[in-house]
PDB file of all heavy atoms in Angstrom:
ATOM      1  N   TRP A   1      -0.898  -6.953   2.554  1.00  0.00           N
ATOM      2  CA  TRP A   1      -1.586  -7.968   1.998  1.00  0.00           C
ATOM      3  C   TRP A   1      -1.895  -7.729   0.487  1.00  0.00           C
ATOM      4  O   TRP A   1      -1.714  -8.634  -0.424  1.00  0.00           O
ATOM      5  CB  TRP A   1      -2.960  -8.333   2.704  1.00  0.00           C
ATOM      6  CG  TRP A   1      -2.932  -9.539   3.472  1.00  0.00           C
ATOM      7  CD1 TRP A   1      -3.025  -9.565   4.937  1.00  0.00           C
ATOM      8  CD2 TRP A   1      -2.775 -10.929   3.090  1.00  0.00           C
ATOM      9  NE1 TRP A   1      -2.852 -10.879   5.353  1.00  0.00           N
ATOM     10  CE2 TRP A   1      -2.825 -11.624   4.260  1.00  0.00           C
ATOM     11  CE3 TRP A   1      -2.668 -11.574   1.950  1.00  0.00           C
ATOM     12  CZ2 TRP A   1      -2.644 -13.036   4.222  1.00  0.00           C
ATOM     13  CZ3 TRP A   1      -2.494 -12.979   1.871  1.00  0.00           C
ATOM     14  CH2 TRP A   1      -2.531 -13.677   3.030  1.00  0.00           C
ATOM     15  N   LEU A   2      -2.261  -6.475   0.214  1.00  0.00           N
ATOM     16  CA  LEU A   2      -2.525  -6.105  -1.169  1.00  0.00           C
ATOM     17  C   LEU A   2      -1.194  -6.228  -1.970  1.00  0.00           C
ATOM     18  O   LEU A   2      -1.239  -6.719  -3.158  1.00  0.00           O
ATOM     19  CB  LEU A   2      -3.062  -4.740  -1.288  1.00  0.00           C
ATOM     20  CG  LEU A   2      -3.344  -4.258  -2.688  1.00  0.00           C
ATOM     21  CD1 LEU A   2      -4.411  -5.090  -3.401  1.00  0.00           C
ATOM     22  CD2 LEU A   2      -3.854  -2.753  -2.658  1.00  0.00           C
ATOM     23  N   ARG A   3      -0.143  -5.793  -1.412  1.00  0.00           N
ATOM     24  CA  ARG A   3       1.276  -5.863  -2.109  1.00  0.00           C
ATOM     25  C   ARG A   3       1.576  -7.370  -2.313  1.00  0.00           C
ATOM     26  O   ARG A   3       1.966  -7.695  -3.491  1.00  0.00           O
ATOM     27  CB  ARG A   3       2.226  -5.163  -1.245  1.00  0.00           C
ATOM     28  CG  ARG A   3       3.662  -5.271  -1.861  1.00  0.00           C
ATOM     29  CD  ARG A   3       4.708  -4.488  -1.166  1.00  0.00           C
ATOM     30  NE  ARG A   3       5.929  -4.793  -1.592  1.00  0.00           N
ATOM     31  CZ  ARG A   3       6.998  -4.614  -0.916  1.00  0.00           C
ATOM     32  NH1 ARG A   3       6.979  -4.140   0.351  1.00  0.00           N
ATOM     33  NH2 ARG A   3       8.260  -4.900  -1.408  1.00  0.00           N
ATOM     34  N   LEU A   4       1.333  -8.149  -1.345  1.00  0.00           N
ATOM     35  CA  LEU A   4       1.689  -9.681  -1.509  1.00  0.00           C
ATOM     36  C   LEU A   4       0.658 -10.245  -2.586  1.00  0.00           C
ATOM     37  O   LEU A   4       1.281 -10.982  -3.340  1.00  0.00           O
ATOM     38  CB  LEU A   4       1.449 -10.249  -0.181  1.00  0.00           C
ATOM     39  CG  LEU A   4       1.596 -11.869  -0.158  1.00  0.00           C
ATOM     40  CD1 LEU A   4       3.031 -12.243  -0.448  1.00  0.00           C
ATOM     41  CD2 LEU A   4       1.132 -12.404   1.211  1.00  0.00           C
ATOM     42  N   ALA A   5      -0.497  -9.923  -2.566  1.00  0.00           N
ATOM     43  CA  ALA A   5      -1.457 -10.427  -3.501  1.00  0.00           C
ATOM     44  C   ALA A   5      -1.155 -10.141  -4.852  1.00  0.00           C
ATOM     45  O   ALA A   5      -1.082 -10.947  -5.814  1.00  0.00           O
ATOM     46  CB  ALA A   5      -2.924 -10.053  -3.187  1.00  0.00           C
ATOM     47  N   MET A   6      -0.705  -8.881  -5.114  1.00  0.00           N
ATOM     48  CA  MET A   6      -0.352  -8.332  -6.435  1.00  0.00           C
ATOM     49  C   MET A   6       0.865  -9.044  -6.933  1.00  0.00           C
ATOM     50  O   MET A   6       0.986  -9.452  -8.100  1.00  0.00           O
ATOM     51  CB  MET A   6      -0.234  -6.940  -6.439  1.00  0.00           C
ATOM     52  CG  MET A   6      -1.495  -5.999  -6.107  1.00  0.00           C
ATOM     53  SD  MET A   6      -2.766  -6.205  -7.408  1.00  0.00           S
ATOM     54  CE  MET A   6      -2.131  -4.986  -8.520  1.00  0.00           C
ATOM     55  N   GLU A   7       1.866  -9.149  -6.032  1.00  0.00           N
ATOM     56  CA  GLU A   7       3.171  -9.779  -6.379  1.00  0.00           C
ATOM     57  C   GLU A   7       2.905 -11.245  -6.733  1.00  0.00           C
ATOM     58  O   GLU A   7       3.398 -11.787  -7.703  1.00  0.00           O
ATOM     59  CB  GLU A   7       4.079  -9.666  -5.338  1.00  0.00           C
ATOM     60  CG  GLU A   7       4.696  -8.319  -5.131  1.00  0.00           C
ATOM     61  CD  GLU A   7       5.482  -8.024  -3.873  1.00  0.00           C
ATOM     62  OE1 GLU A   7       5.475  -8.873  -3.006  1.00  0.00           O
ATOM     63  OE2 GLU A   7       6.307  -7.123  -3.911  1.00  0.00           O
ATOM     64  N   TYR A   8       2.124 -11.916  -5.959  1.00  0.00           N
ATOM     65  CA  TYR A   8       1.840 -13.383  -6.021  1.00  0.00           C
ATOM     66  C   TYR A   8       1.157 -13.677  -7.472  1.00  0.00           C
ATOM     67  O   TYR A   8       1.418 -14.629  -8.145  1.00  0.00           O
ATOM     68  CB  TYR A   8       1.097 -13.974  -4.973  1.00  0.00           C
ATOM     69  CG  TYR A   8       0.842 -15.397  -4.981  1.00  0.00           C
ATOM     70  CD1 TYR A   8       1.748 -16.302  -4.620  1.00  0.00           C
ATOM     71  CD2 TYR A   8      -0.298 -15.896  -5.503  1.00  0.00           C
ATOM     72  CE1 TYR A   8       1.713 -17.717  -4.778  1.00  0.00           C
ATOM     73  CE2 TYR A   8      -0.532 -17.268  -5.731  1.00  0.00           C
ATOM     74  CZ  TYR A   8       0.460 -18.144  -5.264  1.00  0.00           C
ATOM     75  OH  TYR A   8       0.247 -19.483  -5.434  1.00  0.00           O
ATOM     76  N   ALA A   9       0.166 -12.744  -7.730  1.00  0.00           N
ATOM     77  CA  ALA A   9      -0.666 -12.881  -8.884  1.00  0.00           C
ATOM     78  C   ALA A   9       0.008 -12.400 -10.226  1.00  0.00           C
ATOM     79  O   ALA A   9      -0.513 -12.356 -11.269  1.00  0.00           O
ATOM     80  CB  ALA A   9      -1.935 -12.213  -8.757  1.00  0.00           C
ATOM     81  N   GLY A  10       1.386 -12.025 -10.121  1.00  0.00           N
ATOM     82  CA  GLY A  10       2.151 -11.522 -11.178  1.00  0.00           C
ATOM     83  C   GLY A  10       1.655 -10.160 -11.675  1.00  0.00           C
ATOM     84  O   GLY A  10       1.989  -9.748 -12.767  1.00  0.00           O
ATOM     85  N   ARG A  11       1.139  -9.403 -10.871  1.00  0.00           N
ATOM     86  CA  ARG A  11       0.664  -8.006 -11.093  1.00  0.00           C
ATOM     87  C   ARG A  11       1.401  -7.051 -10.220  1.00  0.00           C
ATOM     88  O   ARG A  11       0.917  -5.879 -10.064  1.00  0.00           O
ATOM     89  CB  ARG A  11      -0.873  -7.837 -10.968  1.00  0.00           C
ATOM     90  CG  ARG A  11      -1.607  -8.848 -11.812  1.00  0.00           C
ATOM     91  CD  ARG A  11      -3.110  -8.558 -11.682  1.00  0.00           C
ATOM     92  NE  ARG A  11      -3.885  -9.376 -12.619  1.00  0.00           N
ATOM     93  CZ  ARG A  11      -3.892  -9.191 -13.955  1.00  0.00           C
ATOM     94  NH1 ARG A  11      -3.136  -8.285 -14.542  1.00  0.00           N
ATOM     95  NH2 ARG A  11      -4.681 -10.035 -14.698  1.00  0.00           N
ATOM     96  N   GLY A  12       2.533  -7.377  -9.587  1.00  0.00           N
ATOM     97  CA  GLY A  12       3.247  -6.439  -8.790  1.00  0.00           C
ATOM     98  C   GLY A  12       3.651  -5.116  -9.418  1.00  0.00           C
ATOM     99  O   GLY A  12       3.733  -4.163  -8.831  1.00  0.00           O
ATOM    100  N   HIS A  13       3.803  -5.251 -10.728  1.00  0.00           N
ATOM    101  CA  HIS A  13       4.232  -4.060 -11.536  1.00  0.00           C
ATOM    102  C   HIS A  13       3.182  -3.039 -11.410  1.00  0.00           C
ATOM    103  O   HIS A  13       3.515  -1.783 -11.609  1.00  0.00           O
ATOM    104  CB  HIS A  13       4.599  -4.387 -12.929  1.00  0.00           C
ATOM    105  CG  HIS A  13       3.461  -4.925 -13.701  1.00  0.00           C
ATOM    106  ND1 HIS A  13       3.057  -6.251 -13.594  1.00  0.00           N
ATOM    107  CD2 HIS A  13       2.590  -4.337 -14.580  1.00  0.00           C
ATOM    108  CE1 HIS A  13       1.887  -6.471 -14.362  1.00  0.00           C
ATOM    109  NE2 HIS A  13       1.663  -5.249 -15.006  1.00  0.00           N
ATOM    110  N   LEU A  14       1.948  -3.392 -11.245  1.00  0.00           N
ATOM    111  CA  LEU A  14       0.754  -2.428 -11.209  1.00  0.00           C
ATOM    112  C   LEU A  14       0.788  -1.622  -9.870  1.00  0.00           C
ATOM    113  O   LEU A  14       0.368  -0.404  -9.734  1.00  0.00           O
ATOM    114  CB  LEU A  14      -0.461  -3.108 -11.244  1.00  0.00           C
ATOM    115  CG  LEU A  14      -0.748  -3.705 -12.648  1.00  0.00           C
ATOM    116  CD1 LEU A  14      -2.108  -4.501 -12.616  1.00  0.00           C
ATOM    117  CD2 LEU A  14      -0.749  -2.797 -13.810  1.00  0.00           C
ATOM    118  N   LEU A  15       1.483  -2.083  -8.887  1.00  0.00           N
ATOM    119  CA  LEU A  15       1.605  -1.407  -7.536  1.00  0.00           C
ATOM    120  C   LEU A  15       2.963  -0.744  -7.388  1.00  0.00           C
ATOM    121  O   LEU A  15       3.871  -1.206  -6.763  1.00  0.00           O
ATOM    122  CB  LEU A  15       1.331  -2.475  -6.386  1.00  0.00           C
ATOM    123  CG  LEU A  15       0.922  -1.859  -5.079  1.00  0.00           C
ATOM    124  CD1 LEU A  15      -0.321  -1.062  -5.179  1.00  0.00           C
ATOM    125  CD2 LEU A  15       0.726  -3.040  -4.138  1.00  0.00           C
ATOM    126  N   THR A  16       3.110   0.457  -8.048  1.00  0.00           N
ATOM    127  CA  THR A  16       4.359   1.172  -8.138  1.00  0.00           C
ATOM    128  C   THR A  16       4.613   1.744  -6.773  1.00  0.00           C
ATOM    129  O   THR A  16       3.790   1.732  -5.938  1.00  0.00           O
ATOM    130  CB  THR A  16       4.307   2.287  -9.152  1.00  0.00           C
ATOM    131  OG1 THR A  16       3.249   3.163  -8.846  1.00  0.00           O
ATOM    132  CG2 THR A  16       4.024   1.663 -10.558  1.00  0.00           C
ATOM    133  N   ARG A  17       5.753   2.200  -6.519  1.00  0.00           N
ATOM    134  CA  ARG A  17       6.104   2.873  -5.194  1.00  0.00           C
ATOM    135  C   ARG A  17       5.174   4.071  -5.006  1.00  0.00           C
ATOM    136  O   ARG A  17       4.721   4.297  -3.923  1.00  0.00           O
ATOM    137  CB  ARG A  17       7.601   3.405  -5.227  1.00  0.00           C
ATOM    138  CG  ARG A  17       8.524   2.166  -5.108  1.00  0.00           C
ATOM    139  CD  ARG A  17       9.988   2.829  -5.167  1.00  0.00           C
ATOM    140  NE  ARG A  17      10.883   1.673  -5.119  1.00  0.00           N
ATOM    141  CZ  ARG A  17      11.844   1.541  -4.323  1.00  0.00           C
ATOM    142  NH1 ARG A  17      12.184   2.499  -3.379  1.00  0.00           N
ATOM    143  NH2 ARG A  17      12.757   0.514  -4.418  1.00  0.00           N
ATOM    144  N   ARG A  18       4.941   4.802  -5.994  1.00  0.00           N
ATOM    145  CA  ARG A  18       4.070   5.978  -5.833  1.00  0.00           C
ATOM    146  C   ARG A  18       2.598   5.553  -5.451  1.00  0.00           C
ATOM    147  O   ARG A  18       2.063   6.083  -4.564  1.00  0.00           O
ATOM    148  CB  ARG A  18       3.860   6.713  -7.206  1.00  0.00           C
ATOM    149  CG  ARG A  18       3.084   8.025  -7.035  1.00  0.00           C
ATOM    150  CD  ARG A  18       3.203   8.833  -8.407  1.00  0.00           C
ATOM    151  NE  ARG A  18       2.666  10.161  -8.099  1.00  0.00           N
ATOM    152  CZ  ARG A  18       1.493  10.523  -8.388  1.00  0.00           C
ATOM    153  NH1 ARG A  18       0.642   9.598  -9.058  1.00  0.00           N
ATOM    154  NH2 ARG A  18       1.018  11.678  -8.167  1.00  0.00           N
ATOM    155  N   ARG A  19       2.130   4.429  -6.157  1.00  0.00           N
ATOM    156  CA  ARG A  19       0.813   4.037  -5.713  1.00  0.00           C
ATOM    157  C   ARG A  19       0.737   3.381  -4.281  1.00  0.00           C
ATOM    158  O   ARG A  19      -0.253   3.606  -3.541  1.00  0.00           O
ATOM    159  CB  ARG A  19       0.211   2.969  -6.784  1.00  0.00           C
ATOM    160  CG  ARG A  19      -0.088   3.455  -8.069  1.00  0.00           C
ATOM    161  CD  ARG A  19      -0.528   2.519  -9.123  1.00  0.00           C
ATOM    162  NE  ARG A  19      -0.886   3.096 -10.294  1.00  0.00           N
ATOM    163  CZ  ARG A  19      -0.816   2.601 -11.469  1.00  0.00           C
ATOM    164  NH1 ARG A  19      -0.545   1.256 -11.550  1.00  0.00           N
ATOM    165  NH2 ARG A  19      -1.209   3.240 -12.592  1.00  0.00           N
ATOM    166  N   LEU A  20       1.848   2.722  -3.976  1.00  0.00           N
ATOM    167  CA  LEU A  20       1.968   2.145  -2.572  1.00  0.00           C
ATOM    168  C   LEU A  20       1.982   3.249  -1.514  1.00  0.00           C
ATOM    169  O   LEU A  20       1.407   3.248  -0.530  1.00  0.00           O
ATOM    170  CB  LEU A  20       3.137   1.233  -2.557  1.00  0.00           C
ATOM    171  CG  LEU A  20       3.341   0.369  -1.355  1.00  0.00           C
ATOM    172  CD1 LEU A  20       2.170  -0.493  -1.189  1.00  0.00           C
ATOM    173  CD2 LEU A  20       4.628  -0.446  -1.375  1.00  0.00           C
ATOM    174  N   ALA A  21       2.690   4.380  -1.903  1.00  0.00           N
ATOM    175  CA  ALA A  21       2.753   5.508  -1.026  1.00  0.00           C
ATOM    176  C   ALA A  21       1.453   6.195  -0.880  1.00  0.00           C
ATOM    177  O   ALA A  21       1.025   6.445   0.251  1.00  0.00           O
ATOM    178  CB  ALA A  21       3.717   6.614  -1.640  1.00  0.00           C
ATOM    179  N   LEU A  22       0.694   6.337  -1.943  1.00  0.00           N
ATOM    180  CA  LEU A  22      -0.734   6.769  -1.860  1.00  0.00           C
ATOM    181  C   LEU A  22      -1.574   5.969  -0.989  1.00  0.00           C
ATOM    182  O   LEU A  22      -2.437   6.489  -0.209  1.00  0.00           O
ATOM    183  CB  LEU A  22      -1.301   7.092  -3.366  1.00  0.00           C
ATOM    184  CG  LEU A  22      -0.588   8.136  -4.115  1.00  0.00           C
ATOM    185  CD1 LEU A  22      -1.189   8.143  -5.574  1.00  0.00           C
ATOM    186  CD2 LEU A  22      -1.011   9.481  -3.531  1.00  0.00           C
ATOM    187  N   LEU A  23      -1.469   4.658  -1.238  1.00  0.00           N
ATOM    188  CA  LEU A  23      -2.249   3.712  -0.406  1.00  0.00           C
ATOM    189  C   LEU A  23      -1.929   3.706   1.055  1.00  0.00           C
ATOM    190  O   LEU A  23      -2.840   3.382   1.903  1.00  0.00           O
ATOM    191  CB  LEU A  23      -2.102   2.305  -0.989  1.00  0.00           C
ATOM    192  CG  LEU A  23      -2.769   1.883  -2.305  1.00  0.00           C
ATOM    193  CD1 LEU A  23      -2.373   0.488  -2.734  1.00  0.00           C
ATOM    194  CD2 LEU A  23      -4.276   1.927  -2.147  1.00  0.00           C
ATOM    195  N   SER A  24      -0.778   4.123   1.350  1.00  0.00           N
ATOM    196  CA  SER A  24      -0.252   4.309   2.778  1.00  0.00           C
ATOM    197  C   SER A  24      -0.658   5.462   3.497  1.00  0.00           C
ATOM    198  O   SER A  24      -0.465   5.688   4.694  1.00  0.00           O
ATOM    199  CB  SER A  24       1.225   4.077   2.803  1.00  0.00           C
ATOM    200  OG  SER A  24       1.581   2.830   2.268  1.00  0.00           O
ATOM    201  N   ILE A  25      -1.195   6.480   2.747  1.00  0.00           N
ATOM    202  CA  ILE A  25      -1.488   7.876   3.457  1.00  0.00           C
ATOM    203  C   ILE A  25      -2.523   7.601   4.474  1.00  0.00           C
ATOM    204  O   ILE A  25      -2.389   7.981   5.690  1.00  0.00           O
ATOM    205  CB  ILE A  25      -1.970   8.824   2.319  1.00  0.00           C
ATOM    206  CG1 ILE A  25      -0.694   9.269   1.484  1.00  0.00           C
ATOM    207  CG2 ILE A  25      -2.627  10.032   3.094  1.00  0.00           C
ATOM    208  CD1 ILE A  25      -1.112  10.112   0.364  1.00  0.00           C
ATOM    209  N   GLU A  26      -3.635   6.922   4.173  1.00  0.00           N
ATOM    210  CA  GLU A  26      -4.733   6.723   5.088  1.00  0.00           C
ATOM    211  C   GLU A  26      -4.237   5.895   6.332  1.00  0.00           C
ATOM    212  O   GLU A  26      -4.511   6.382   7.537  1.00  0.00           O
ATOM    213  CB  GLU A  26      -5.875   6.046   4.435  1.00  0.00           C
ATOM    214  CG  GLU A  26      -7.179   5.946   5.308  1.00  0.00           C
ATOM    215  CD  GLU A  26      -7.251   4.910   6.449  1.00  0.00           C
ATOM    216  OE1 GLU A  26      -6.515   3.931   6.320  1.00  0.00           O
ATOM    217  OE2 GLU A  26      -7.987   5.055   7.341  1.00  0.00           O
ATOM    218  N   PRO A  27      -3.454   4.810   6.122  1.00  0.00           N
ATOM    219  CA  PRO A  27      -3.007   4.082   7.384  1.00  0.00           C
ATOM    220  C   PRO A  27      -2.077   4.947   8.229  1.00  0.00           C
ATOM    221  O   PRO A  27      -2.102   4.900   9.473  1.00  0.00           O
ATOM    222  CB  PRO A  27      -2.242   2.877   6.803  1.00  0.00           C
ATOM    223  CG  PRO A  27      -2.886   2.691   5.438  1.00  0.00           C
ATOM    224  CD  PRO A  27      -3.237   4.009   4.938  1.00  0.00           C
ATOM    225  N   LEU A  28      -1.165   5.705   7.567  1.00  0.00           N
ATOM    226  CA  LEU A  28      -0.274   6.538   8.392  1.00  0.00           C
ATOM    227  C   LEU A  28      -1.033   7.579   9.139  1.00  0.00           C
ATOM    228  O   LEU A  28      -0.691   7.817  10.324  1.00  0.00           O
ATOM    229  CB  LEU A  28       0.827   7.170   7.464  1.00  0.00           C
ATOM    230  CG  LEU A  28       1.854   6.167   6.979  1.00  0.00           C
ATOM    231  CD1 LEU A  28       2.702   6.962   5.822  1.00  0.00           C
ATOM    232  CD2 LEU A  28       2.718   5.758   8.063  1.00  0.00           C
ATOM    233  N   LEU A  29      -1.959   8.211   8.462  1.00  0.00           N
ATOM    234  CA  LEU A  29      -2.820   9.222   9.128  1.00  0.00           C
ATOM    235  C   LEU A  29      -3.624   8.586  10.306  1.00  0.00           C
ATOM    236  O   LEU A  29      -3.682   9.170  11.379  1.00  0.00           O
ATOM    237  CB  LEU A  29      -3.830   9.785   8.226  1.00  0.00           C
ATOM    238  CG  LEU A  29      -4.602  11.004   8.619  1.00  0.00           C
ATOM    239  CD1 LEU A  29      -3.781  12.109   9.168  1.00  0.00           C
ATOM    240  CD2 LEU A  29      -5.425  11.554   7.498  1.00  0.00           C
ATOM    241  N   THR A  30      -4.015   7.357  10.141  1.00  0.00           N
ATOM    242  CA  THR A  30      -4.719   6.622  11.298  1.00  0.00           C
ATOM    243  C   THR A  30      -3.851   6.376  12.361  1.00  0.00           C
ATOM    244  O   THR A  30      -4.230   6.645  13.547  1.00  0.00           O
ATOM    245  CB  THR A  30      -5.298   5.282  10.738  1.00  0.00           C
ATOM    246  OG1 THR A  30      -6.203   5.547   9.643  1.00  0.00           O
ATOM    247  CG2 THR A  30      -6.042   4.596  11.855  1.00  0.00           C
ATOM    248  N   VAL A  31      -2.593   6.051  12.257  1.00  0.00           N
ATOM    249  CA  VAL A  31      -1.669   5.853  13.329  1.00  0.00           C
ATOM    250  C   VAL A  31      -1.413   7.139  14.069  1.00  0.00           C
ATOM    251  O   VAL A  31      -1.385   7.223  15.267  1.00  0.00           O
ATOM    252  CB  VAL A  31      -0.353   5.278  12.691  1.00  0.00           C
ATOM    253  CG1 VAL A  31       0.814   5.366  13.896  1.00  0.00           C
ATOM    254  CG2 VAL A  31      -0.497   3.842  12.230  1.00  0.00           C
ATOM    255  N   VAL A  32      -1.309   8.228  13.339  1.00  0.00           N
ATOM    256  CA  VAL A  32      -1.125   9.565  14.010  1.00  0.00           C
ATOM    257  C   VAL A  32      -2.340   9.904  14.765  1.00  0.00           C
ATOM    258  O   VAL A  32      -2.231  10.366  15.976  1.00  0.00           O
ATOM    259  CB  VAL A  32      -0.916  10.730  12.934  1.00  0.00           C
ATOM    260  CG1 VAL A  32      -0.918  12.077  13.556  1.00  0.00           C
ATOM    261  CG2 VAL A  32       0.491  10.488  12.232  1.00  0.00           C
ATOM    262  N   LEU A  33      -3.526   9.644  14.239  1.00  0.00           N
ATOM    263  CA  LEU A  33      -4.774   9.928  14.906  1.00  0.00           C
ATOM    264  C   LEU A  33      -4.931   9.082  16.225  1.00  0.00           C
ATOM    265  O   LEU A  33      -5.535   9.433  17.176  1.00  0.00           O
ATOM    266  CB  LEU A  33      -5.970   9.772  13.979  1.00  0.00           C
ATOM    267  CG  LEU A  33      -6.090  10.866  12.956  1.00  0.00           C
ATOM    268  CD1 LEU A  33      -7.200  10.587  12.002  1.00  0.00           C
ATOM    269  CD2 LEU A  33      -6.335  12.284  13.516  1.00  0.00           C
ATOM    270  N   VAL A  34      -4.519   7.835  16.122  1.00  0.00           N
ATOM    271  CA  VAL A  34      -4.615   7.002  17.222  1.00  0.00           C
ATOM    272  C   VAL A  34      -3.738   7.454  18.478  1.00  0.00           C
ATOM    273  O   VAL A  34      -4.154   7.487  19.537  1.00  0.00           O
ATOM    274  CB  VAL A  34      -4.119   5.415  16.977  1.00  0.00           C
ATOM    275  CG1 VAL A  34      -3.724   4.707  18.143  1.00  0.00           C
ATOM    276  CG2 VAL A  34      -5.266   4.852  16.016  1.00  0.00           C
ATOM    277  N   TRP A  35      -2.543   7.914  18.087  1.00  0.00           N
ATOM    278  CA  TRP A  35      -1.647   8.366  19.101  1.00  0.00           C
ATOM    279  C   TRP A  35      -1.956   9.754  19.695  1.00  0.00           C
ATOM    280  O   TRP A  35      -1.485  10.137  20.736  1.00  0.00           O
ATOM    281  CB  TRP A  35      -0.207   8.237  18.801  1.00  0.00           C
ATOM    282  CG  TRP A  35       0.316   6.890  18.668  1.00  0.00           C
ATOM    283  CD1 TRP A  35       0.325   6.076  17.509  1.00  0.00           C
ATOM    284  CD2 TRP A  35       0.847   5.999  19.706  1.00  0.00           C
ATOM    285  NE1 TRP A  35       0.824   4.757  17.849  1.00  0.00           N
ATOM    286  CE2 TRP A  35       0.996   4.803  19.141  1.00  0.00           C
ATOM    287  CE3 TRP A  35       0.963   6.219  21.068  1.00  0.00           C
ATOM    288  CZ2 TRP A  35       1.496   3.677  19.942  1.00  0.00           C
ATOM    289  CZ3 TRP A  35       1.473   5.194  21.875  1.00  0.00           C
ATOM    290  CH2 TRP A  35       1.766   3.925  21.271  1.00  0.00           C
TER     291      TRP A  35
END
């Protein structure tokens, strides 16, 4: 949703691959912890 909102608002350039990867650490860790 954050990626979509940033792209829609014309701010997609602020969400670089590196920043997206950093934002994904907590969710990925959560999936590991769930399983």
